Every structure is written in C-alpha cells, then in structure tokens.
PDB file of all heavy atoms in Angstrom:
ATOM      1  N   ALA A   1      12.958  -9.148   2.109  1.00  0.00           N
ATOM      2  CA  ALA A   1      11.585  -9.324   1.612  1.00  0.00           C
ATOM      3  C   ALA A   1      10.959  -7.945   1.354  1.00  0.00           C
ATOM      4  O   ALA A   1      10.274  -7.764   0.345  1.00  0.00           O
ATOM      5  CB  ALA A   1      10.749 -10.127   2.587  1.00  0.00           C
ATOM      6  N   LEU A   2      11.129  -7.003   2.260  1.00  0.00           N
ATOM      7  CA  LEU A   2      10.545  -5.670   2.089  1.00  0.00           C
ATOM      8  C   LEU A   2      11.092  -4.956   0.893  1.00  0.00           C
ATOM      9  O   LEU A   2      10.408  -4.094   0.318  1.00  0.00           O
ATOM     10  CB  LEU A   2      10.727  -4.849   3.350  1.00  0.00           C
ATOM     11  CG  LEU A   2       9.859  -5.279   4.524  1.00  0.00           C
ATOM     12  CD1 LEU A   2      10.263  -4.493   5.785  1.00  0.00           C
ATOM     13  CD2 LEU A   2       8.402  -5.081   4.210  1.00  0.00           C
ATOM     14  N   GLN A   3      12.276  -5.278   0.483  1.00  0.00           N
ATOM     15  CA  GLN A   3      12.849  -4.658  -0.742  1.00  0.00           C
ATOM     16  C   GLN A   3      12.233  -5.253  -1.990  1.00  0.00           C
ATOM     17  O   GLN A   3      12.212  -4.629  -3.030  1.00  0.00           O
ATOM     18  CB  GLN A   3      14.360  -4.801  -0.736  1.00  0.00           C
ATOM     19  CG  GLN A   3      15.021  -3.978   0.313  1.00  0.00           C
ATOM     20  CD  GLN A   3      16.513  -4.275   0.430  1.00  0.00           C
ATOM     21  OE1 GLN A   3      17.033  -5.174  -0.217  1.00  0.00           O
ATOM     22  NE2 GLN A   3      17.185  -3.525   1.287  1.00  0.00           N
ATOM     23  N   VAL A   4      11.689  -6.457  -1.908  1.00  0.00           N
ATOM     24  CA  VAL A   4      11.112  -7.141  -3.046  1.00  0.00           C
ATOM     25  C   VAL A   4       9.667  -6.655  -3.264  1.00  0.00           C
ATOM     26  O   VAL A   4       9.253  -6.413  -4.401  1.00  0.00           O
ATOM     27  CB  VAL A   4      11.135  -8.680  -2.858  1.00  0.00           C
ATOM     28  CG1 VAL A   4      10.351  -9.375  -3.965  1.00  0.00           C
ATOM     29  CG2 VAL A   4      12.559  -9.164  -2.837  1.00  0.00           C
ATOM     30  N   TYR A   5       8.905  -6.533  -2.198  1.00  0.00           N
ATOM     31  CA  TYR A   5       7.465  -6.208  -2.314  1.00  0.00           C
ATOM     32  C   TYR A   5       7.171  -5.021  -3.183  1.00  0.00           C
ATOM     33  O   TYR A   5       6.340  -5.068  -4.086  1.00  0.00           O
ATOM     34  CB  TYR A   5       6.814  -6.028  -0.949  1.00  0.00           C
ATOM     35  CG  TYR A   5       6.849  -7.234  -0.045  1.00  0.00           C
ATOM     36  CD1 TYR A   5       6.871  -7.096   1.330  1.00  0.00           C
ATOM     37  CD2 TYR A   5       6.824  -8.529  -0.554  1.00  0.00           C
ATOM     38  CE1 TYR A   5       6.898  -8.178   2.149  1.00  0.00           C
ATOM     39  CE2 TYR A   5       6.851  -9.615   0.285  1.00  0.00           C
ATOM     40  CZ  TYR A   5       6.876  -9.445   1.630  1.00  0.00           C
ATOM     41  OH  TYR A   5       6.900 -10.529   2.467  1.00  0.00           O
ATOM     42  N   PRO A   6       7.746  -3.827  -2.890  1.00  0.00           N
ATOM     43  CA  PRO A   6       7.327  -2.632  -3.631  1.00  0.00           C
ATOM     44  C   PRO A   6       7.940  -2.483  -4.996  1.00  0.00           C
ATOM     45  O   PRO A   6       7.584  -1.556  -5.715  1.00  0.00           O
ATOM     46  CB  PRO A   6       7.769  -1.501  -2.713  1.00  0.00           C
ATOM     47  CG  PRO A   6       8.976  -2.051  -2.020  1.00  0.00           C
ATOM     48  CD  PRO A   6       8.680  -3.506  -1.848  1.00  0.00           C
ATOM     49  N   GLY A   7       8.850  -3.342  -5.391  1.00  0.00           N
ATOM     50  CA  GLY A   7       9.470  -3.188  -6.696  1.00  0.00           C
ATOM     51  C   GLY A   7      10.488  -2.082  -6.693  1.00  0.00           C
ATOM     52  O   GLY A   7      11.058  -1.736  -5.672  1.00  0.00           O
ATOM     53  N   PRO A   8      10.719  -1.448  -7.850  1.00  0.00           N
ATOM     54  CA  PRO A   8      11.787  -0.482  -7.995  1.00  0.00           C
ATOM     55  C   PRO A   8      11.520   0.871  -7.360  1.00  0.00           C
ATOM     56  O   PRO A   8      12.367   1.755  -7.390  1.00  0.00           O
ATOM     57  CB  PRO A   8      11.948  -0.338  -9.512  1.00  0.00           C
ATOM     58  CG  PRO A   8      10.566  -0.611 -10.023  1.00  0.00           C
ATOM     59  CD  PRO A   8      10.006  -1.693  -9.107  1.00  0.00           C
ATOM     60  N   HIS A   9      10.346   1.069  -6.783  1.00  0.00           N
ATOM     61  CA  HIS A   9       9.994   2.394  -6.272  1.00  0.00           C
ATOM     62  C   HIS A   9      10.147   2.542  -4.758  1.00  0.00           C
ATOM     63  O   HIS A   9       9.605   3.458  -4.162  1.00  0.00           O
ATOM     64  CB  HIS A   9       8.540   2.700  -6.654  1.00  0.00           C
ATOM     65  CG  HIS A   9       8.272   2.602  -8.096  1.00  0.00           C
ATOM     66  ND1 HIS A   9       8.782   3.510  -8.995  1.00  0.00           N
ATOM     67  CD2 HIS A   9       7.597   1.716  -8.820  1.00  0.00           C
ATOM     68  CE1 HIS A   9       8.395   3.152 -10.219  1.00  0.00           C
ATOM     69  NE2 HIS A   9       7.690   2.083 -10.141  1.00  0.00           N
ATOM     70  N   ALA A  10      10.855   1.621  -4.119  1.00  0.00           N
ATOM     71  CA  ALA A  10      10.964   1.605  -2.667  1.00  0.00           C
ATOM     72  C   ALA A  10       9.572   1.583  -2.082  1.00  0.00           C
ATOM     73  O   ALA A  10       8.707   0.889  -2.551  1.00  0.00           O
ATOM     74  CB  ALA A  10      11.810   2.786  -2.178  1.00  0.00           C
ATOM     75  N   MET A  11       9.311   2.380  -1.043  1.00  0.00           N
ATOM     76  CA  MET A  11       8.003   2.388  -0.430  1.00  0.00           C
ATOM     77  C   MET A  11       7.160   3.542  -0.919  1.00  0.00           C
ATOM     78  O   MET A  11       6.205   3.974  -0.276  1.00  0.00           O
ATOM     79  CB  MET A  11       8.132   2.401   1.089  1.00  0.00           C
ATOM     80  CG  MET A  11       8.760   1.149   1.654  1.00  0.00           C
ATOM     81  SD  MET A  11       7.931  -0.395   1.204  1.00  0.00           S
ATOM     82  CE  MET A  11       6.585  -0.370   2.356  1.00  0.00           C
ATOM     83  N   ALA A  12       7.500   4.108  -2.070  1.00  0.00           N
ATOM     84  CA  ALA A  12       6.747   5.247  -2.624  1.00  0.00           C
ATOM     85  C   ALA A  12       6.370   4.960  -4.074  1.00  0.00           C
ATOM     86  O   ALA A  12       6.776   5.640  -4.978  1.00  0.00           O
ATOM     87  CB  ALA A  12       7.569   6.513  -2.517  1.00  0.00           C
ATOM     88  N   ASP A  13       5.642   3.899  -4.282  1.00  0.00           N
ATOM     89  CA  ASP A  13       5.288   3.450  -5.632  1.00  0.00           C
ATOM     90  C   ASP A  13       4.208   4.375  -6.219  1.00  0.00           C
ATOM     91  O   ASP A  13       3.051   4.357  -5.780  1.00  0.00           O
ATOM     92  CB  ASP A  13       4.762   2.005  -5.569  1.00  0.00           C
ATOM     93  CG  ASP A  13       4.488   1.426  -6.920  1.00  0.00           C
ATOM     94  OD1 ASP A  13       4.435   2.190  -7.911  1.00  0.00           O
ATOM     95  OD2 ASP A  13       4.316   0.200  -7.013  1.00  0.00           O
ATOM     96  N   PRO A  14       4.544   5.162  -7.246  1.00  0.00           N
ATOM     97  CA  PRO A  14       3.590   6.081  -7.848  1.00  0.00           C
ATOM     98  C   PRO A  14       2.458   5.379  -8.605  1.00  0.00           C
ATOM     99  O   PRO A  14       1.469   6.012  -8.942  1.00  0.00           O
ATOM    100  CB  PRO A  14       4.440   6.922  -8.774  1.00  0.00           C
ATOM    101  CG  PRO A  14       5.630   6.088  -9.088  1.00  0.00           C
ATOM    102  CD  PRO A  14       5.851   5.237  -7.862  1.00  0.00           C
ATOM    103  N   THR A  15       2.582   4.073  -8.868  1.00  0.00           N
ATOM    104  CA  THR A  15       1.572   3.352  -9.597  1.00  0.00           C
ATOM    105  C   THR A  15       0.596   2.612  -8.676  1.00  0.00           C
ATOM    106  O   THR A  15      -0.328   1.969  -9.164  1.00  0.00           O
ATOM    107  CB  THR A  15       2.196   2.333 -10.562  1.00  0.00           C
ATOM    108  OG1 THR A  15       2.837   1.306  -9.820  1.00  0.00           O
ATOM    109  CG2 THR A  15       3.184   3.023 -11.519  1.00  0.00           C
ATOM    110  N   LEU A  16       0.798   2.712  -7.371  1.00  0.00           N
ATOM    111  CA  LEU A  16       0.026   1.917  -6.427  1.00  0.00           C
ATOM    112  C   LEU A  16      -1.488   2.210  -6.546  1.00  0.00           C
ATOM    113  O   LEU A  16      -2.275   1.269  -6.639  1.00  0.00           O
ATOM    114  CB  LEU A  16       0.484   2.131  -4.991  1.00  0.00           C
ATOM    115  CG  LEU A  16      -0.297   1.366  -3.935  1.00  0.00           C
ATOM    116  CD1 LEU A  16      -0.202  -0.144  -4.170  1.00  0.00           C
ATOM    117  CD2 LEU A  16       0.213   1.694  -2.552  1.00  0.00           C
ATOM    118  N   THR A  17      -1.893   3.458  -6.481  1.00  0.00           N
ATOM    119  CA  THR A  17      -3.323   3.751  -6.500  1.00  0.00           C
ATOM    120  C   THR A  17      -3.984   3.286  -7.800  1.00  0.00           C
ATOM    121  O   THR A  17      -5.110   2.826  -7.778  1.00  0.00           O
ATOM    122  CB  THR A  17      -3.648   5.234  -6.230  1.00  0.00           C
ATOM    123  OG1 THR A  17      -2.920   6.019  -7.152  1.00  0.00           O
ATOM    124  CG2 THR A  17      -3.281   5.594  -4.813  1.00  0.00           C
ATOM    125  N   ASP A  18      -3.256   3.379  -8.924  1.00  0.00           N
ATOM    126  CA  ASP A  18      -3.803   2.864 -10.177  1.00  0.00           C
ATOM    127  C   ASP A  18      -4.051   1.357 -10.105  1.00  0.00           C
ATOM    128  O   ASP A  18      -5.067   0.865 -10.563  1.00  0.00           O
ATOM    129  CB  ASP A  18      -2.888   3.180 -11.339  1.00  0.00           C
ATOM    130  CG  ASP A  18      -2.798   4.669 -11.642  1.00  0.00           C
ATOM    131  OD1 ASP A  18      -3.745   5.401 -11.274  1.00  0.00           O
ATOM    132  OD2 ASP A  18      -1.791   5.093 -12.237  1.00  0.00           O
ATOM    133  N   ARG A  19      -3.115   0.651  -9.491  1.00  0.00           N
ATOM    134  CA  ARG A  19      -3.264  -0.799  -9.404  1.00  0.00           C
ATOM    135  C   ARG A  19      -4.346  -1.178  -8.390  1.00  0.00           C
ATOM    136  O   ARG A  19      -5.098  -2.122  -8.582  1.00  0.00           O
ATOM    137  CB  ARG A  19      -1.933  -1.440  -9.013  1.00  0.00           C
ATOM    138  CG  ARG A  19      -0.942  -1.380 -10.197  1.00  0.00           C
ATOM    139  CD  ARG A  19       0.387  -2.081  -9.905  1.00  0.00           C
ATOM    140  NE  ARG A  19       1.156  -1.313  -8.958  1.00  0.00           N
ATOM    141  CZ  ARG A  19       1.584  -1.784  -7.774  1.00  0.00           C
ATOM    142  NH1 ARG A  19       1.315  -3.004  -7.429  1.00  0.00           N
ATOM    143  NH2 ARG A  19       2.283  -1.035  -6.944  1.00  0.00           N
ATOM    144  N   LEU A  20      -4.464  -0.386  -7.293  1.00  0.00           N
ATOM    145  CA  LEU A  20      -5.518  -0.688  -6.328  1.00  0.00           C
ATOM    146  C   LEU A  20      -6.900  -0.507  -6.932  1.00  0.00           C
ATOM    147  O   LEU A  20      -7.851  -1.227  -6.559  1.00  0.00           O
ATOM    148  CB  LEU A  20      -5.351   0.264  -5.127  1.00  0.00           C
ATOM    149  CG  LEU A  20      -4.154   0.006  -4.222  1.00  0.00           C
ATOM    150  CD1 LEU A  20      -4.076   1.098  -3.159  1.00  0.00           C
ATOM    151  CD2 LEU A  20      -4.179  -1.358  -3.590  1.00  0.00           C
ATOM    152  N   ALA A  21      -7.028   0.409  -7.885  1.00  0.00           N
ATOM    153  CA  ALA A  21      -8.322   0.661  -8.520  1.00  0.00           C
ATOM    154  C   ALA A  21      -8.824  -0.580  -9.272  1.00  0.00           C
ATOM    155  O   ALA A  21     -10.026  -0.699  -9.527  1.00  0.00           O
ATOM    156  CB  ALA A  21      -8.218   1.846  -9.457  1.00  0.00           C
ATOM    157  N   GLY A  22      -7.950  -1.507  -9.576  1.00  0.00           N
ATOM    158  CA  GLY A  22      -8.302  -2.719 -10.309  1.00  0.00           C
ATOM    159  C   GLY A  22      -8.816  -3.840  -9.433  1.00  0.00           C
ATOM    160  O   GLY A  22      -9.212  -4.894  -9.888  1.00  0.00           O
ATOM    161  N   ILE A  23      -8.830  -3.647  -8.113  1.00  0.00           N
ATOM    162  CA  ILE A  23      -9.325  -4.683  -7.203  1.00  0.00           C
ATOM    163  C   ILE A  23     -10.841  -4.726  -7.277  1.00  0.00           C
ATOM    164  O   ILE A  23     -11.503  -3.710  -7.100  1.00  0.00           O
ATOM    165  CB  ILE A  23      -8.856  -4.405  -5.742  1.00  0.00           C
ATOM    166  CG1 ILE A  23      -7.308  -4.494  -5.680  1.00  0.00           C
ATOM    167  CG2 ILE A  23      -9.506  -5.399  -4.773  1.00  0.00           C
ATOM    168  CD1 ILE A  23      -6.749  -4.124  -4.335  1.00  0.00           C
ATOM    169  N   ALA A  24     -11.372  -5.897  -7.541  1.00  0.00           N
ATOM    170  CA  ALA A  24     -12.829  -6.026  -7.720  1.00  0.00           C
ATOM    171  C   ALA A  24     -13.579  -6.611  -6.539  1.00  0.00           C
ATOM    172  O   ALA A  24     -14.713  -6.184  -6.270  1.00  0.00           O
ATOM    173  CB  ALA A  24     -13.105  -6.850  -8.964  1.00  0.00           C
ATOM    174  N   PRO A  25     -13.037  -7.617  -5.822  1.00  0.00           N
ATOM    175  CA  PRO A  25     -13.832  -8.233  -4.759  1.00  0.00           C
ATOM    176  C   PRO A  25     -14.101  -7.253  -3.605  1.00  0.00           C
ATOM    177  O   PRO A  25     -13.356  -6.284  -3.464  1.00  0.00           O
ATOM    178  CB  PRO A  25     -12.978  -9.393  -4.277  1.00  0.00           C
ATOM    179  CG  PRO A  25     -11.786  -9.456  -5.148  1.00  0.00           C
ATOM    180  CD  PRO A  25     -11.754  -8.244  -5.987  1.00  0.00           C
ATOM    181  N   PRO A  26     -15.105  -7.523  -2.800  1.00  0.00           N
ATOM    182  CA  PRO A  26     -15.273  -6.662  -1.618  1.00  0.00           C
ATOM    183  C   PRO A  26     -13.978  -6.635  -0.809  1.00  0.00           C
ATOM    184  O   PRO A  26     -13.327  -7.669  -0.611  1.00  0.00           O
ATOM    185  CB  PRO A  26     -16.391  -7.405  -0.823  1.00  0.00           C
ATOM    186  CG  PRO A  26     -17.119  -8.170  -1.879  1.00  0.00           C
ATOM    187  CD  PRO A  26     -16.068  -8.589  -2.870  1.00  0.00           C
ATOM    188  N   THR A  27     -13.589  -5.447  -0.354  1.00  0.00           N
ATOM    189  CA  THR A  27     -12.296  -5.289   0.283  1.00  0.00           C
ATOM    190  C   THR A  27     -12.384  -4.550   1.579  1.00  0.00           C
ATOM    191  O   THR A  27     -13.051  -3.501   1.660  1.00  0.00           O
ATOM    192  CB  THR A  27     -11.346  -4.545  -0.678  1.00  0.00           C
ATOM    193  OG1 THR A  27     -11.277  -5.269  -1.925  1.00  0.00           O
ATOM    194  CG2 THR A  27      -9.928  -4.406  -0.088  1.00  0.00           C
ATOM    195  N   LEU A  28     -11.739  -5.042   2.610  1.00  0.00           N
ATOM    196  CA  LEU A  28     -11.606  -4.357   3.866  1.00  0.00           C
ATOM    197  C   LEU A  28     -10.124  -3.979   4.025  1.00  0.00           C
ATOM    198  O   LEU A  28      -9.253  -4.843   4.000  1.00  0.00           O
ATOM    199  CB  LEU A  28     -12.025  -5.245   5.029  1.00  0.00           C
ATOM    200  CG  LEU A  28     -11.727  -4.697   6.431  1.00  0.00           C
ATOM    201  CD1 LEU A  28     -12.575  -3.430   6.687  1.00  0.00           C
ATOM    202  CD2 LEU A  28     -12.027  -5.744   7.496  1.00  0.00           C
ATOM    203  N   VAL A  29      -9.872  -2.689   4.143  1.00  0.00           N
ATOM    204  CA  VAL A  29      -8.501  -2.209   4.377  1.00  0.00           C
ATOM    205  C   VAL A  29      -8.399  -1.956   5.891  1.00  0.00           C
ATOM    206  O   VAL A  29      -8.965  -0.997   6.399  1.00  0.00           O
ATOM    207  CB  VAL A  29      -8.186  -0.946   3.577  1.00  0.00           C
ATOM    208  CG1 VAL A  29      -6.801  -0.446   3.909  1.00  0.00           C
ATOM    209  CG2 VAL A  29      -8.314  -1.216   2.094  1.00  0.00           C
ATOM    210  N   ALA A  30      -7.721  -2.825   6.589  1.00  0.00           N
ATOM    211  CA  ALA A  30      -7.499  -2.666   8.035  1.00  0.00           C
ATOM    212  C   ALA A  30      -6.131  -2.021   8.207  1.00  0.00           C
ATOM    213  O   ALA A  30      -5.134  -2.508   7.681  1.00  0.00           O
ATOM    214  CB  ALA A  30      -7.566  -4.031   8.721  1.00  0.00           C
ATOM    215  N   TRP A  31      -6.109  -0.892   8.910  1.00  0.00           N
ATOM    216  CA  TRP A  31      -4.855  -0.114   9.032  1.00  0.00           C
ATOM    217  C   TRP A  31      -4.556   0.156  10.488  1.00  0.00           C
ATOM    218  O   TRP A  31      -5.427   0.332  11.320  1.00  0.00           O
ATOM    219  CB  TRP A  31      -5.016   1.201   8.272  1.00  0.00           C
ATOM    220  CG  TRP A  31      -3.730   1.768   7.833  1.00  0.00           C
ATOM    221  CD1 TRP A  31      -2.957   2.685   8.527  1.00  0.00           C
ATOM    222  CD2 TRP A  31      -3.018   1.485   6.651  1.00  0.00           C
ATOM    223  NE1 TRP A  31      -1.843   2.963   7.824  1.00  0.00           N
ATOM    224  CE2 TRP A  31      -1.837   2.236   6.662  1.00  0.00           C
ATOM    225  CE3 TRP A  31      -3.271   0.635   5.587  1.00  0.00           C
ATOM    226  CZ2 TRP A  31      -0.918   2.178   5.635  1.00  0.00           C
ATOM    227  CZ3 TRP A  31      -2.348   0.575   4.556  1.00  0.00           C
ATOM    228  CH2 TRP A  31      -1.186   1.352   4.593  1.00  0.00           C
ATOM    229  N   ARG A  32      -3.296   0.249  10.788  1.00  0.00           N
ATOM    230  CA  ARG A  32      -2.819   0.491  12.157  1.00  0.00           C
ATOM    231  C   ARG A  32      -3.076   1.961  12.511  1.00  0.00           C
ATOM    232  O   ARG A  32      -2.495   2.867  11.926  1.00  0.00           O
ATOM    233  CB  ARG A  32      -1.343   0.179  12.232  1.00  0.00           C
ATOM    234  CG  ARG A  32      -1.106  -1.278  11.926  1.00  0.00           C
ATOM    235  CD  ARG A  32      -0.022  -1.636  10.933  1.00  0.00           C
ATOM    236  NE  ARG A  32       0.502  -0.629  10.046  1.00  0.00           N
ATOM    237  CZ  ARG A  32       0.369  -0.711   8.705  1.00  0.00           C
ATOM    238  NH1 ARG A  32      -0.288  -1.691   8.140  1.00  0.00           N
ATOM    239  NH2 ARG A  32       0.913   0.199   7.926  1.00  0.00           N
ATOM    240  N   ALA A  33      -3.911   2.207  13.521  1.00  0.00           N
ATOM    241  CA  ALA A  33      -4.295   3.570  13.888  1.00  0.00           C
ATOM    242  C   ALA A  33      -3.135   4.364  14.501  1.00  0.00           C
ATOM    243  O   ALA A  33      -3.126   5.590  14.409  1.00  0.00           O
ATOM    244  CB  ALA A  33      -5.464   3.518  14.888  1.00  0.00           C
ATOM    245  N   SER A  34      -2.178   3.704  15.108  1.00  0.00           N
ATOM    246  CA  SER A  34      -1.086   4.409  15.740  1.00  0.00           C
ATOM    247  C   SER A  34       0.275   4.119  15.076  1.00  0.00           C
ATOM    248  O   SER A  34       1.308   4.154  15.709  1.00  0.00           O
ATOM    249  CB  SER A  34      -0.993   3.990  17.250  1.00  0.00           C
ATOM    250  OG  SER A  34      -2.206   4.281  17.890  1.00  0.00           O
ATOM    251  N   ASP A  35       0.230   3.872  13.790  1.00  0.00           N
ATOM    252  CA  ASP A  35       1.459   3.582  13.013  1.00  0.00           C
ATOM    253  C   ASP A  35       2.288   4.836  12.908  1.00  0.00           C
ATOM    254  O   ASP A  35       1.847   5.861  12.415  1.00  0.00           O
ATOM    255  CB  ASP A  35       1.107   3.065  11.659  1.00  0.00           C
ATOM    256  CG  ASP A  35       2.261   2.454  10.891  1.00  0.00           C
ATOM    257  OD1 ASP A  35       3.425   2.909  11.101  1.00  0.00           O
ATOM    258  OD2 ASP A  35       2.030   1.509  10.131  1.00  0.00           O
ATOM    259  N   GLU A  36       3.546   4.786  13.401  1.00  0.00           N
ATOM    260  CA  GLU A  36       4.425   5.935  13.348  1.00  0.00           C
ATOM    261  C   GLU A  36       5.335   5.871  12.121  1.00  0.00           C
ATOM    262  O   GLU A  36       6.160   6.737  11.923  1.00  0.00           O
ATOM    263  CB  GLU A  36       5.227   6.031  14.616  1.00  0.00           C
ATOM    264  CG  GLU A  36       4.374   6.321  15.844  1.00  0.00           C
ATOM    265  CD  GLU A  36       5.144   6.347  17.134  1.00  0.00           C
ATOM    266  OE1 GLU A  36       6.389   6.242  17.117  1.00  0.00           O
ATOM    267  OE2 GLU A  36       4.512   6.507  18.205  1.00  0.00           O
ATOM    268  N   VAL A  37       5.191   4.822  11.301  1.00  0.00           N
ATOM    269  CA  VAL A  37       6.011   4.669  10.113  1.00  0.00           C
ATOM    270  C   VAL A  37       5.207   5.032   8.873  1.00  0.00           C
ATOM    271  O   VAL A  37       5.662   5.791   8.024  1.00  0.00           O
ATOM    272  CB  VAL A  37       6.572   3.227  10.002  1.00  0.00           C
ATOM    273  CG1 VAL A  37       7.392   3.054   8.717  1.00  0.00           C
ATOM    274  CG2 VAL A  37       7.437   2.901  11.225  1.00  0.00           C
ATOM    275  N   VAL A  38       4.018   4.469   8.766  1.00  0.00           N
ATOM    276  CA  VAL A  38       3.139   4.738   7.615  1.00  0.00           C
ATOM    277  C   VAL A  38       1.838   5.311   8.151  1.00  0.00           C
ATOM    278  O   VAL A  38       1.037   4.639   8.788  1.00  0.00           O
ATOM    279  CB  VAL A  38       2.852   3.450   6.787  1.00  0.00           C
ATOM    280  CG1 VAL A  38       2.032   3.775   5.588  1.00  0.00           C
ATOM    281  CG2 VAL A  38       4.159   2.781   6.388  1.00  0.00           C
ATOM    282  N   ASP A  39       1.640   6.596   7.926  1.00  0.00           N
ATOM    283  CA  ASP A  39       0.530   7.359   8.460  1.00  0.00           C
ATOM    284  C   ASP A  39      -0.841   6.758   8.100  1.00  0.00           C
ATOM    285  O   ASP A  39      -1.024   6.216   7.016  1.00  0.00           O
ATOM    286  CB  ASP A  39       0.628   8.769   7.900  1.00  0.00           C
ATOM    287  CG  ASP A  39      -0.315   9.730   8.558  1.00  0.00           C
ATOM    288  OD1 ASP A  39      -1.493   9.821   8.090  1.00  0.00           O
ATOM    289  OD2 ASP A  39       0.077  10.354   9.528  1.00  0.00           O
ATOM    290  N   ILE A  40      -1.791   6.920   8.981  1.00  0.00           N
ATOM    291  CA  ILE A  40      -3.134   6.379   8.779  1.00  0.00           C
ATOM    292  C   ILE A  40      -3.806   7.020   7.559  1.00  0.00           C
ATOM    293  O   ILE A  40      -4.611   6.398   6.896  1.00  0.00           O
ATOM    294  CB  ILE A  40      -4.016   6.543  10.043  1.00  0.00           C
ATOM    295  CG1 ILE A  40      -5.291   5.687   9.918  1.00  0.00           C
ATOM    296  CG2 ILE A  40      -4.311   8.002  10.343  1.00  0.00           C
ATOM    297  CD1 ILE A  40      -6.075   5.527  11.209  1.00  0.00           C
ATOM    298  N   ASP A  41      -3.456   8.263   7.254  1.00  0.00           N
ATOM    299  CA  ASP A  41      -4.006   8.907   6.053  1.00  0.00           C
ATOM    300  C   ASP A  41      -3.601   8.173   4.782  1.00  0.00           C
ATOM    301  O   ASP A  41      -4.360   8.150   3.794  1.00  0.00           O
ATOM    302  CB  ASP A  41      -3.588  10.370   5.979  1.00  0.00           C
ATOM    303  CG  ASP A  41      -4.267  11.222   7.042  1.00  0.00           C
ATOM    304  OD1 ASP A  41      -5.371  10.819   7.506  1.00  0.00           O
ATOM    305  OD2 ASP A  41      -3.734  12.267   7.402  1.00  0.00           O
TER     306      ASP A  41
END
C-alpha cells in the first residue's frame, strides 16, 4: 500500500506542495512530534 500512495516518486514527490496548494476546505495538519522517520519540519 505504501508503494501505491506516493506514485512513481517514492516518498519524495516533488509535486506534493503544488498539489497541497489546491486544498480549499479548512485543514488541520496533525503531525507526529517525535517521528524519527518523517521529520516534523
């Protein structure tokens, strides 16, 4: 499943921020503060 989600770019999709900019509804991004795999930044 994890190989399907990000498409052909693995977990480094260079188009992600462009696509995120298209989100219109109010959005809460809840992130894991102590994630050692994907940094909080």
